[in-house]
PDB file of N, CA and C in Angstrom:
ATOM      1  N   MET A   1     -40.579   5.687 -24.660  1.00  0.00           N
ATOM      2  CA  MET A   1     -39.165   5.396 -24.770  1.00  0.00           C
ATOM      3  C   MET A   1     -38.985   3.884 -24.961  1.00  0.00           C
ATOM      4  N   ASN A   2     -38.065   3.509 -25.755  1.00  0.00           N
ATOM      5  CA  ASN A   2     -37.762   2.121 -26.035  1.00  0.00           C
ATOM      6  C   ASN A   2     -37.178   1.454 -24.779  1.00  0.00           C
ATOM      7  N   ASP A   3     -37.678   0.235 -24.461  1.00  0.00           N
ATOM      8  CA  ASP A   3     -37.205  -0.469 -23.268  1.00  0.00           C
ATOM      9  C   ASP A   3     -35.715  -0.773 -23.336  1.00  0.00           C
ATOM     10  N   GLY A   4     -35.221  -1.094 -24.489  1.00  0.00           N
ATOM     11  CA  GLY A   4     -33.791  -1.381 -24.659  1.00  0.00           C
ATOM     12  C   GLY A   4     -32.935  -0.168 -24.351  1.00  0.00           C
ATOM     13  N   LEU A   5     -33.416   1.000 -24.784  1.00  0.00           N
ATOM     14  CA  LEU A   5     -32.689   2.241 -24.526  1.00  0.00           C
ATOM     15  C   LEU A   5     -32.692   2.571 -23.042  1.00  0.00           C
ATOM     16  N   LEU A   6     -33.795   2.316 -22.374  1.00  0.00           N
ATOM     17  CA  LEU A   6     -33.886   2.547 -20.934  1.00  0.00           C
ATOM     18  C   LEU A   6     -32.914   1.650 -20.174  1.00  0.00           C
ATOM     19  N   ILE A   7     -32.837   0.400 -20.559  1.00  0.00           N
ATOM     20  CA  ILE A   7     -31.915  -0.533 -19.906  1.00  0.00           C
ATOM     21  C   ILE A   7     -30.468  -0.101 -20.121  1.00  0.00           C
ATOM     22  N   ILE A   8     -30.136   0.311 -21.329  1.00  0.00           N
ATOM     23  CA  ILE A   8     -28.782   0.790 -21.621  1.00  0.00           C
ATOM     24  C   ILE A   8     -28.454   2.012 -20.777  1.00  0.00           C
ATOM     25  N   ALA A   9     -29.402   2.933 -20.643  1.00  0.00           N
ATOM     26  CA  ALA A   9     -29.185   4.131 -19.835  1.00  0.00           C
ATOM     27  C   ALA A   9     -28.986   3.770 -18.366  1.00  0.00           C
ATOM     28  N   LEU A  10     -29.777   2.843 -17.836  1.00  0.00           N
ATOM     29  CA  LEU A  10     -29.632   2.419 -16.448  1.00  0.00           C
ATOM     30  C   LEU A  10     -28.289   1.739 -16.194  1.00  0.00           C
ATOM     31  N   VAL A  11     -27.911   0.839 -17.091  1.00  0.00           N
ATOM     32  CA  VAL A  11     -26.615   0.153 -16.950  1.00  0.00           C
ATOM     33  C   VAL A  11     -25.478   1.165 -17.033  1.00  0.00           C
ATOM     34  N   GLY A  12     -25.571   2.096 -17.950  1.00  0.00           N
ATOM     35  CA  GLY A  12     -24.551   3.147 -18.061  1.00  0.00           C
ATOM     36  C   GLY A  12     -24.457   3.986 -16.801  1.00  0.00           C
ATOM     37  N   GLY A  13     -25.594   4.314 -16.214  1.00  0.00           N
ATOM     38  CA  GLY A  13     -25.596   5.085 -14.966  1.00  0.00           C
ATOM     39  C   GLY A  13     -24.963   4.327 -13.812  1.00  0.00           C
ATOM     40  N   VAL A  14     -25.278   3.045 -13.711  1.00  0.00           N
ATOM     41  CA  VAL A  14     -24.693   2.218 -12.650  1.00  0.00           C
ATOM     42  C   VAL A  14     -23.183   2.100 -12.838  1.00  0.00           C
ATOM     43  N   LEU A  15     -22.748   1.882 -14.071  1.00  0.00           N
ATOM     44  CA  LEU A  15     -21.310   1.797 -14.344  1.00  0.00           C
ATOM     45  C   LEU A  15     -20.596   3.109 -14.020  1.00  0.00           C
ATOM     46  N   ALA A  16     -21.224   4.223 -14.308  1.00  0.00           N
ATOM     47  CA  ALA A  16     -20.630   5.522 -13.989  1.00  0.00           C
ATOM     48  C   ALA A  16     -20.495   5.700 -12.474  1.00  0.00           C
ATOM     49  N   LEU A  17     -21.497   5.271 -11.722  1.00  0.00           N
ATOM     50  CA  LEU A  17     -21.413   5.365 -10.253  1.00  0.00           C
ATOM     51  C   LEU A  17     -20.311   4.475  -9.694  1.00  0.00           C
ATOM     52  N   ILE A  18     -20.177   3.271 -10.232  1.00  0.00           N
ATOM     53  CA  ILE A  18     -19.116   2.364  -9.789  1.00  0.00           C
ATOM     54  C   ILE A  18     -17.745   2.953 -10.122  1.00  0.00           C
ATOM     55  N   TRP A  19     -17.606   3.468 -11.327  1.00  0.00           N
ATOM     56  CA  TRP A  19     -16.340   4.079 -11.732  1.00  0.00           C
ATOM     57  C   TRP A  19     -15.977   5.238 -10.806  1.00  0.00           C
ATOM     58  N   ARG A  20     -16.946   6.097 -10.498  1.00  0.00           N
ATOM     59  CA  ARG A  20     -16.687   7.244  -9.628  1.00  0.00           C
ATOM     60  C   ARG A  20     -16.284   6.796  -8.222  1.00  0.00           C
ATOM     61  N   ALA A  21     -16.954   5.786  -7.683  1.00  0.00           N
ATOM     62  CA  ALA A  21     -16.610   5.279  -6.353  1.00  0.00           C
ATOM     63  C   ALA A  21     -15.183   4.725  -6.336  1.00  0.00           C
ATOM     64  N   ASN A  22     -14.786   4.053  -7.411  1.00  0.00           N
ATOM     65  CA  ASN A  22     -13.432   3.512  -7.479  1.00  0.00           C
ATOM     66  C   ASN A  22     -12.378   4.598  -7.595  1.00  0.00           C
ATOM     67  N   VAL A  23     -12.670   5.649  -8.349  1.00  0.00           N
ATOM     68  CA  VAL A  23     -11.739   6.774  -8.464  1.00  0.00           C
ATOM     69  C   VAL A  23     -11.580   7.467  -7.107  1.00  0.00           C
ATOM     70  N   GLU A  24     -12.678   7.677  -6.401  1.00  0.00           N
ATOM     71  CA  GLU A  24     -12.611   8.305  -5.075  1.00  0.00           C
ATOM     72  C   GLU A  24     -11.836   7.427  -4.091  1.00  0.00           C
ATOM     73  N   ALA A  25     -12.044   6.115  -4.148  1.00  0.00           N
ATOM     74  CA  ALA A  25     -11.333   5.198  -3.253  1.00  0.00           C
ATOM     75  C   ALA A  25      -9.835   5.230  -3.546  1.00  0.00           C
ATOM     76  N   ARG A  26      -9.467   5.233  -4.795  1.00  0.00           N
ATOM     77  CA  ARG A  26      -8.039   5.276  -5.143  1.00  0.00           C
ATOM     78  C   ARG A  26      -7.410   6.589  -4.684  1.00  0.00           C
ATOM     79  N   THR A  27      -8.124   7.680  -4.829  1.00  0.00           N
ATOM     80  CA  THR A  27      -7.617   8.967  -4.360  1.00  0.00           C
ATOM     81  C   THR A  27      -7.404   8.938  -2.850  1.00  0.00           C
ATOM     82  N   THR A  28      -8.342   8.378  -2.116  1.00  0.00           N
ATOM     83  CA  THR A  28      -8.208   8.248  -0.667  1.00  0.00           C
ATOM     84  C   THR A  28      -7.002   7.383  -0.316  1.00  0.00           C
ATOM     85  N   ALA A  29      -6.827   6.274  -1.018  1.00  0.00           N
ATOM     86  CA  ALA A  29      -5.685   5.391  -0.768  1.00  0.00           C
ATOM     87  C   ALA A  29      -4.366   6.085  -1.096  1.00  0.00           C
ATOM     88  N   ASN A  30      -4.338   6.868  -2.170  1.00  0.00           N
ATOM     89  CA  ASN A  30      -3.130   7.632  -2.507  1.00  0.00           C
ATOM     90  C   ASN A  30      -2.754   8.597  -1.396  1.00  0.00           C
ATOM     91  N   HIS A  31      -3.739   9.311  -0.871  1.00  0.00           N
ATOM     92  CA  HIS A  31      -3.471  10.256   0.215  1.00  0.00           C
ATOM     93  C   HIS A  31      -2.964   9.527   1.458  1.00  0.00           C
ATOM     94  N   ALA A  32      -3.563   8.383   1.777  1.00  0.00           N
ATOM     95  CA  ALA A  32      -3.143   7.618   2.952  1.00  0.00           C
ATOM     96  C   ALA A  32      -1.713   7.116   2.793  1.00  0.00           C
ATOM     97  N   ALA A  33      -1.362   6.612   1.616  1.00  0.00           N
ATOM     98  CA  ALA A  33       0.003   6.131   1.365  1.00  0.00           C
ATOM     99  C   ALA A  33       0.998   7.284   1.441  1.00  0.00           C
ATOM    100  N   HIS A  34       0.643   8.408   0.835  1.00  0.00           N
ATOM    101  CA  HIS A  34       1.519   9.580   0.858  1.00  0.00           C
ATOM    102  C   HIS A  34       1.742  10.045   2.294  1.00  0.00           C
ATOM    103  N   ASP A  35       0.675  10.149   3.074  1.00  0.00           N
ATOM    104  CA  ASP A  35       0.784  10.594   4.465  1.00  0.00           C
ATOM    105  C   ASP A  35       1.607   9.625   5.305  1.00  0.00           C
ATOM    106  N   ALA A  36       1.413   8.320   5.097  1.00  0.00           N
ATOM    107  CA  ALA A  36       2.164   7.321   5.860  1.00  0.00           C
ATOM    108  C   ALA A  36       3.651   7.413   5.553  1.00  0.00           C
ATOM    109  N   CYS A  37       3.994   7.574   4.283  1.00  0.00           N
ATOM    110  CA  CYS A  37       5.400   7.709   3.913  1.00  0.00           C
ATOM    111  C   CYS A  37       5.991   9.005   4.453  1.00  0.00           C
ATOM    112  N   ALA A  38       5.251  10.086   4.360  1.00  0.00           N
ATOM    113  CA  ALA A  38       5.743  11.362   4.877  1.00  0.00           C
ATOM    114  C   ALA A  38       5.954  11.298   6.387  1.00  0.00           C
ATOM    115  N   ASP A  39       5.014  10.693   7.111  1.00  0.00           N
ATOM    116  CA  ASP A  39       5.135  10.577   8.567  1.00  0.00           C
ATOM    117  C   ASP A  39       6.336   9.743   8.980  1.00  0.00           C
ATOM    118  N   ALA A  40       6.697   8.758   8.173  1.00  0.00           N
ATOM    119  CA  ALA A  40       7.812   7.861   8.499  1.00  0.00           C
ATOM    120  C   ALA A  40       9.110   8.272   7.799  1.00  0.00           C
ATOM    121  N   ALA A  41       9.119   9.430   7.161  1.00  0.00           N
ATOM    122  CA  ALA A  41      10.287   9.940   6.431  1.00  0.00           C
ATOM    123  C   ALA A  41      10.748   8.954   5.361  1.00  0.00           C
ATOM    124  N   LEU A  42       9.813   8.426   4.601  1.00  0.00           N
ATOM    125  CA  LEU A  42      10.089   7.493   3.520  1.00  0.00           C
ATOM    126  C   LEU A  42       9.709   8.113   2.191  1.00  0.00           C
ATOM    127  N   GLN A  43      10.250   7.562   1.124  1.00  0.00           N
ATOM    128  CA  GLN A  43       9.942   8.047  -0.219  1.00  0.00           C
ATOM    129  C   GLN A  43       8.908   7.127  -0.861  1.00  0.00           C
ATOM    130  N   LEU A  44       7.776   7.688  -1.254  1.00  0.00           N
ATOM    131  CA  LEU A  44       6.751   6.941  -1.986  1.00  0.00           C
ATOM    132  C   LEU A  44       7.208   6.826  -3.435  1.00  0.00           C
ATOM    133  N   LEU A  45       7.456   5.608  -3.881  1.00  0.00           N
ATOM    134  CA  LEU A  45       7.934   5.393  -5.242  1.00  0.00           C
ATOM    135  C   LEU A  45       6.764   5.334  -6.214  1.00  0.00           C
ATOM    136  N   ASP A  46       6.971   5.753  -7.406  1.00  0.00           N
ATOM    137  CA  ASP A  46       5.970   5.769  -8.475  1.00  0.00           C
ATOM    138  C   ASP A  46       4.826   6.745  -8.199  1.00  0.00           C
ATOM    139  N   GLY A  47       4.743   7.296  -7.005  1.00  0.00           N
ATOM    140  CA  GLY A  47       3.769   8.333  -6.688  1.00  0.00           C
ATOM    141  C   GLY A  47       2.320   7.904  -6.627  1.00  0.00           C
ATOM    142  N   THR A  48       2.048   6.612  -6.614  1.00  0.00           N
ATOM    143  CA  THR A  48       0.657   6.176  -6.622  1.00  0.00           C
ATOM    144  C   THR A  48       0.512   4.778  -6.031  1.00  0.00           C
ATOM    145  N   VAL A  49      -0.727   4.405  -5.785  1.00  0.00           N
ATOM    146  CA  VAL A  49      -1.045   3.058  -5.317  1.00  0.00           C
ATOM    147  C   VAL A  49      -1.545   2.228  -6.494  1.00  0.00           C
ATOM    148  N   ALA A  50      -1.513   0.909  -6.324  1.00  0.00           N
ATOM    149  CA  ALA A  50      -2.031  -0.006  -7.340  1.00  0.00           C
ATOM    150  C   ALA A  50      -3.111  -0.867  -6.708  1.00  0.00           C
ATOM    151  N   PHE A  51      -4.201  -1.031  -7.419  1.00  0.00           N
ATOM    152  CA  PHE A  51      -5.304  -1.850  -6.930  1.00  0.00           C
ATOM    153  C   PHE A  51      -4.866  -3.302  -6.837  1.00  0.00           C
ATOM    154  N   LYS A  52      -5.180  -3.959  -5.706  1.00  0.00           N
ATOM    155  CA  LYS A  52      -4.844  -5.370  -5.543  1.00  0.00           C
ATOM    156  C   LYS A  52      -6.090  -6.253  -5.554  1.00  0.00           C
ATOM    157  N   ASN A  53      -7.058  -5.959  -4.685  1.00  0.00           N
ATOM    158  CA  ASN A  53      -8.286  -6.751  -4.693  1.00  0.00           C
ATOM    159  C   ASN A  53      -9.401  -6.024  -3.965  1.00  0.00           C
ATOM    160  N   TRP A  54     -10.584  -6.588  -4.067  1.00  0.00           N
ATOM    161  CA  TRP A  54     -11.747  -6.063  -3.341  1.00  0.00           C
ATOM    162  C   TRP A  54     -12.645  -7.223  -2.983  1.00  0.00           C
ATOM    163  N   ARG A  55     -13.434  -6.995  -1.949  1.00  0.00           N
ATOM    164  CA  ARG A  55     -14.420  -7.999  -1.545  1.00  0.00           C
ATOM    165  C   ARG A  55     -15.521  -7.314  -0.755  1.00  0.00           C
ATOM    166  N   PRO A  56     -16.699  -7.876  -0.777  1.00  0.00           N
ATOM    167  CA  PRO A  56     -17.791  -7.293   0.010  1.00  0.00           C
ATOM    168  C   PRO A  56     -17.554  -7.555   1.497  1.00  0.00           C
ATOM    169  N   THR A  57     -17.982  -6.603   2.314  1.00  0.00           N
ATOM    170  CA  THR A  57     -17.868  -6.719   3.763  1.00  0.00           C
ATOM    171  C   THR A  57     -18.976  -5.893   4.393  1.00  0.00           C
ATOM    172  N   ARG A  58     -19.068  -5.907   5.687  1.00  0.00           N
ATOM    173  CA  ARG A  58     -20.060  -5.108   6.414  1.00  0.00           C
ATOM    174  C   ARG A  58     -19.357  -3.988   7.168  1.00  0.00           C
ATOM    175  N   ASP A  59     -19.999  -2.821   7.223  1.00  0.00           N
ATOM    176  CA  ASP A  59     -19.443  -1.728   8.013  1.00  0.00           C
ATOM    177  C   ASP A  59     -19.912  -1.865   9.467  1.00  0.00           C
ATOM    178  N   ASP A  60     -19.606  -0.872  10.285  1.00  0.00           N
ATOM    179  CA  ASP A  60     -19.943  -0.928  11.712  1.00  0.00           C
ATOM    180  C   ASP A  60     -21.442  -1.000  11.975  1.00  0.00           C
ATOM    181  N   THR A  61     -22.245  -0.509  11.036  1.00  0.00           N
ATOM    182  CA  THR A  61     -23.699  -0.530  11.207  1.00  0.00           C
ATOM    183  C   THR A  61     -24.344  -1.766  10.573  1.00  0.00           C
ATOM    184  N   GLY A  62     -23.519  -2.638   9.982  1.00  0.00           N
ATOM    185  CA  GLY A  62     -24.042  -3.838   9.353  1.00  0.00           C
ATOM    186  C   GLY A  62     -24.402  -3.671   7.888  1.00  0.00           C
ATOM    187  N   ARG A  63     -24.161  -2.493   7.355  1.00  0.00           N
ATOM    188  CA  ARG A  63     -24.480  -2.210   5.955  1.00  0.00           C
ATOM    189  C   ARG A  63     -23.415  -2.813   5.036  1.00  0.00           C
ATOM    190  N   LEU A  64     -23.835  -3.371   3.917  1.00  0.00           N
ATOM    191  CA  LEU A  64     -22.916  -3.966   2.957  1.00  0.00           C
ATOM    192  C   LEU A  64     -22.077  -2.877   2.296  1.00  0.00           C
ATOM    193  N   THR A  65     -20.771  -3.085   2.253  1.00  0.00           N
ATOM    194  CA  THR A  65     -19.852  -2.138   1.628  1.00  0.00           C
ATOM    195  C   THR A  65     -18.692  -2.925   1.022  1.00  0.00           C
ATOM    196  N   MET A  66     -17.740  -2.221   0.432  1.00  0.00           N
ATOM    197  CA  MET A  66     -16.598  -2.883  -0.202  1.00  0.00           C
ATOM    198  C   MET A  66     -15.335  -2.661   0.613  1.00  0.00           C
ATOM    199  N   ARG A  67     -14.525  -3.703   0.715  1.00  0.00           N
ATOM    200  CA  ARG A  67     -13.182  -3.589   1.298  1.00  0.00           C
ATOM    201  C   ARG A  67     -12.203  -3.685   0.132  1.00  0.00           C
ATOM    202  N   ARG A  68     -11.463  -2.602  -0.085  1.00  0.00           N
ATOM    203  CA  ARG A  68     -10.515  -2.536  -1.195  1.00  0.00           C
ATOM    204  C   ARG A  68      -9.094  -2.536  -0.640  1.00  0.00           C
ATOM    205  N   THR A  69      -8.216  -3.261  -1.305  1.00  0.00           N
ATOM    206  CA  THR A  69      -6.810  -3.287  -0.921  1.00  0.00           C
ATOM    207  C   THR A  69      -5.979  -2.700  -2.059  1.00  0.00           C
ATOM    208  N   TYR A  70      -5.104  -1.780  -1.685  1.00  0.00           N
ATOM    209  CA  TYR A  70      -4.172  -1.169  -2.629  1.00  0.00           C
ATOM    210  C   TYR A  70      -2.759  -1.396  -2.105  1.00  0.00           C
ATOM    211  N   VAL A  71      -1.803  -1.534  -2.997  1.00  0.00           N
ATOM    212  CA  VAL A  71      -0.406  -1.677  -2.615  1.00  0.00           C
ATOM    213  C   VAL A  71       0.386  -0.522  -3.217  1.00  0.00           C
ATOM    214  N   PHE A  72       1.522  -0.231  -2.603  1.00  0.00           N
ATOM    215  CA  PHE A  72       2.404   0.809  -3.109  1.00  0.00           C
ATOM    216  C   PHE A  72       3.834   0.458  -2.730  1.00  0.00           C
ATOM    217  N   ASP A  73       4.772   1.020  -3.467  1.00  0.00           N
ATOM    218  CA  ASP A  73       6.181   0.802  -3.182  1.00  0.00           C
ATOM    219  C   ASP A  73       6.762   2.049  -2.545  1.00  0.00           C
ATOM    220  N   TYR A  74       7.688   1.815  -1.627  1.00  0.00           N
ATOM    221  CA  TYR A  74       8.365   2.924  -0.964  1.00  0.00           C
ATOM    222  C   TYR A  74       9.812   2.534  -0.731  1.00  0.00           C
ATOM    223  N   SER A  75      10.627   3.523  -0.400  1.00  0.00           N
ATOM    224  CA  SER A  75      12.036   3.284  -0.126  1.00  0.00           C
ATOM    225  C   SER A  75      12.438   4.069   1.106  1.00  0.00           C
ATOM    226  N   ASP A  76      13.281   3.443   1.905  1.00  0.00           N
ATOM    227  CA  ASP A  76      13.792   4.150   3.075  1.00  0.00           C
ATOM    228  C   ASP A  76      15.191   4.713   2.833  1.00  0.00           C
ATOM    229  N   ASP A  77      15.868   4.220   1.785  1.00  0.00           N
ATOM    230  CA  ASP A  77      17.222   4.691   1.510  1.00  0.00           C
ATOM    231  C   ASP A  77      17.449   5.099   0.054  1.00  0.00           C
ATOM    232  N   GLY A  78      16.427   5.036  -0.752  1.00  0.00           N
ATOM    233  CA  GLY A  78      16.549   5.407  -2.156  1.00  0.00           C
ATOM    234  C   GLY A  78      17.045   4.296  -3.055  1.00  0.00           C
ATOM    235  N   ALA A  79      17.496   3.182  -2.471  1.00  0.00           N
ATOM    236  CA  ALA A  79      18.021   2.074  -3.267  1.00  0.00           C
ATOM    237  C   ALA A  79      17.151   0.825  -3.158  1.00  0.00           C
ATOM    238  N   THR A  80      16.528   0.632  -2.026  1.00  0.00           N
ATOM    239  CA  THR A  80      15.701  -0.556  -1.848  1.00  0.00           C
ATOM    240  C   THR A  80      14.241  -0.236  -2.122  1.00  0.00           C
ATOM    241  N   ARG A  81      13.537  -1.225  -2.579  1.00  0.00           N
ATOM    242  CA  ARG A  81      12.115  -1.066  -2.872  1.00  0.00           C
ATOM    243  C   ARG A  81      11.352  -1.998  -1.941  1.00  0.00           C
ATOM    244  N   ARG A  82      10.481  -1.426  -1.128  1.00  0.00           N
ATOM    245  CA  ARG A  82       9.650  -2.204  -0.212  1.00  0.00           C
ATOM    246  C   ARG A  82       8.191  -1.962  -0.565  1.00  0.00           C
ATOM    247  N   GLN A  83       7.327  -2.865  -0.113  1.00  0.00           N
ATOM    248  CA  GLN A  83       5.914  -2.728  -0.453  1.00  0.00           C
ATOM    249  C   GLN A  83       5.069  -2.478   0.788  1.00  0.00           C
ATOM    250  N   GLY A  84       4.196  -1.484   0.674  1.00  0.00           N
ATOM    251  CA  GLY A  84       3.223  -1.185   1.713  1.00  0.00           C
ATOM    252  C   GLY A  84       1.826  -1.428   1.172  1.00  0.00           C
ATOM    253  N   PHE A  85       0.843  -1.230   2.035  1.00  0.00           N
ATOM    254  CA  PHE A  85      -0.533  -1.470   1.618  1.00  0.00           C
ATOM    255  C   PHE A  85      -1.479  -0.504   2.309  1.00  0.00           C
ATOM    256  N   VAL A  86      -2.622  -0.291   1.687  1.00  0.00           N
ATOM    257  CA  VAL A  86      -3.713   0.504   2.248  1.00  0.00           C
ATOM    258  C   VAL A  86      -4.977  -0.331   2.073  1.00  0.00           C
ATOM    259  N   ILE A  87      -5.741  -0.485   3.156  1.00  0.00           N
ATOM    260  CA  ILE A  87      -7.020  -1.177   3.083  1.00  0.00           C
ATOM    261  C   ILE A  87      -8.119  -0.176   3.406  1.00  0.00           C
ATOM    262  N   LEU A  88      -9.073  -0.054   2.506  1.00  0.00           N
ATOM    263  CA  LEU A  88     -10.224   0.817   2.702  1.00  0.00           C
ATOM    264  C   LEU A  88     -11.449  -0.040   2.958  1.00  0.00           C
ATOM    265  N   ARG A  89     -12.265   0.384   3.882  1.00  0.00           N
ATOM    266  CA  ARG A  89     -13.571  -0.250   4.087  1.00  0.00           C
ATOM    267  C   ARG A  89     -14.595   0.824   3.812  1.00  0.00           C
ATOM    268  N   GLY A  90     -15.304   0.645   2.713  1.00  0.00           N
ATOM    269  CA  GLY A  90     -16.201   1.709   2.256  1.00  0.00           C
ATOM    270  C   GLY A  90     -15.353   2.883   1.796  1.00  0.00           C
ATOM    271  N   ARG A  91     -15.600   4.036   2.368  1.00  0.00           N
ATOM    272  CA  ARG A  91     -14.828   5.242   2.020  1.00  0.00           C
ATOM    273  C   ARG A  91     -13.733   5.555   3.026  1.00  0.00           C
ATOM    274  N   ASP A  92     -13.625   4.747   4.070  1.00  0.00           N
ATOM    275  CA  ASP A  92     -12.699   5.037   5.159  1.00  0.00           C
ATOM    276  C   ASP A  92     -11.441   4.181   5.092  1.00  0.00           C
ATOM    277  N   VAL A  93     -10.324   4.788   5.476  1.00  0.00           N
ATOM    278  CA  VAL A  93      -9.075   4.051   5.585  1.00  0.00           C
ATOM    279  C   VAL A  93      -9.173   3.167   6.815  1.00  0.00           C
ATOM    280  N   GLU A  94      -9.008   1.884   6.606  1.00  0.00           N
ATOM    281  CA  GLU A  94      -9.058   0.934   7.713  1.00  0.00           C
ATOM    282  C   GLU A  94      -7.655   0.696   8.278  1.00  0.00           C
ATOM    283  N   ILE A  95      -6.703   0.387   7.408  1.00  0.00           N
ATOM    284  CA  ILE A  95      -5.335   0.105   7.841  1.00  0.00           C
ATOM    285  C   ILE A  95      -4.367   0.595   6.772  1.00  0.00           C
ATOM    286  N   VAL A  96      -3.239   1.143   7.222  1.00  0.00           N
ATOM    287  CA  VAL A  96      -2.110   1.451   6.347  1.00  0.00           C
ATOM    288  C   VAL A  96      -0.909   0.720   6.919  1.00  0.00           C
ATOM    289  N   GLY A  97      -0.216  -0.017   6.077  1.00  0.00           N
ATOM    290  CA  GLY A  97       0.941  -0.767   6.562  1.00  0.00           C
ATOM    291  C   GLY A  97       2.167  -0.534   5.712  1.00  0.00           C
ATOM    292  N   LEU A  98       3.300  -0.483   6.381  1.00  0.00           N
ATOM    293  CA  LEU A  98       4.594  -0.378   5.711  1.00  0.00           C
ATOM    294  C   LEU A  98       5.409  -1.596   6.107  1.00  0.00           C
ATOM    295  N   GLY A  99       5.652  -2.482   5.151  1.00  0.00           N
ATOM    296  CA  GLY A  99       6.419  -3.687   5.451  1.00  0.00           C
ATOM    297  C   GLY A  99       5.801  -4.423   6.626  1.00  0.00           C
ATOM    298  N   PRO A 100       6.628  -4.857   7.572  1.00  0.00           N
ATOM    299  CA  PRO A 100       6.090  -5.580   8.718  1.00  0.00           C
ATOM    300  C   PRO A 100       5.510  -4.672   9.795  1.00  0.00           C
ATOM    301  N   THR A 101       5.608  -3.348   9.611  1.00  0.00           N
ATOM    302  CA  THR A 101       5.173  -2.404  10.634  1.00  0.00           C
ATOM    303  C   THR A 101       3.823  -1.810  10.281  1.00  0.00           C
ATOM    304  N   LEU A 102       2.884  -1.870  11.203  1.00  0.00           N
ATOM    305  CA  LEU A 102       1.578  -1.242  11.028  1.00  0.00           C
ATOM    306  C   LEU A 102       1.735   0.248  11.300  1.00  0.00           C
ATOM    307  N   VAL A 103       1.357   1.061  10.338  1.00  0.00           N
ATOM    308  CA  VAL A 103       1.518   2.499  10.485  1.00  0.00           C
ATOM    309  C   VAL A 103       0.310   3.134  11.128  1.00  0.00           C
ATOM    310  N   ARG A 104      -0.876   2.769  10.678  1.00  0.00           N
ATOM    311  CA  ARG A 104      -2.073   3.407  11.202  1.00  0.00           C
ATOM    312  C   ARG A 104      -3.230   2.436  11.119  1.00  0.00           C
ATOM    313  N   ASP A 105      -3.974   2.342  12.178  1.00  0.00           N
ATOM    314  CA  ASP A 105      -5.166   1.509  12.232  1.00  0.00           C
ATOM    315  C   ASP A 105      -6.278   2.403  12.755  1.00  0.00           C
ATOM    316  N   ARG A 106      -7.181   2.811  11.883  1.00  0.00           N
ATOM    317  CA  ARG A 106      -8.208   3.782  12.274  1.00  0.00           C
ATOM    318  C   ARG A 106      -9.444   3.158  12.895  1.00  0.00           C
ATOM    319  N   LEU A 107      -9.550   1.836  12.896  1.00  0.00           N
ATOM    320  CA  LEU A 107     -10.737   1.225  13.455  1.00  0.00           C
ATOM    321  C   LEU A 107     -10.632   1.050  14.962  1.00  0.00           C
ATOM    322  N   HIS A 108      -9.442   0.990  15.494  1.00  0.00           N
ATOM    323  CA  HIS A 108      -9.268   0.705  16.926  1.00  0.00           C
ATOM    324  C   HIS A 108      -8.691   1.878  17.670  1.00  0.00           C
TER     325      HIS A 108
END
C-alpha cells in the first residue's frame, strides 16, 4: 500500500472520530439545555445549543479530556431573550446555567 494513501486514511479516520465525538457532545448539551428549561418552566428558543469554545482539561482520574461550552437562548415570558450555558467535561454534563442562576452542577 502506498504510504501517502495510508496517511490519508489515518487522518480521515481521526477526523471522523473527532467529528463523531463533537456530534455526541452537542446532542448531550441539547438534552441538558432542554431538560433545564423544562424543569424551570422556560421556553428553549431556536431549539438548540451553539458551540462557544473548548479547551483541554483533566477528568477526575487525571486523564486528558475536553471541556466544551455551549450557549443557548431561552425565554421566561415569550418576549425576552436570555442566554444560558452548558459546560461538558468529556462526555458528562458539568454545569448547566440559566442567566445568573445555576440550574444543575453534577460534579458536586
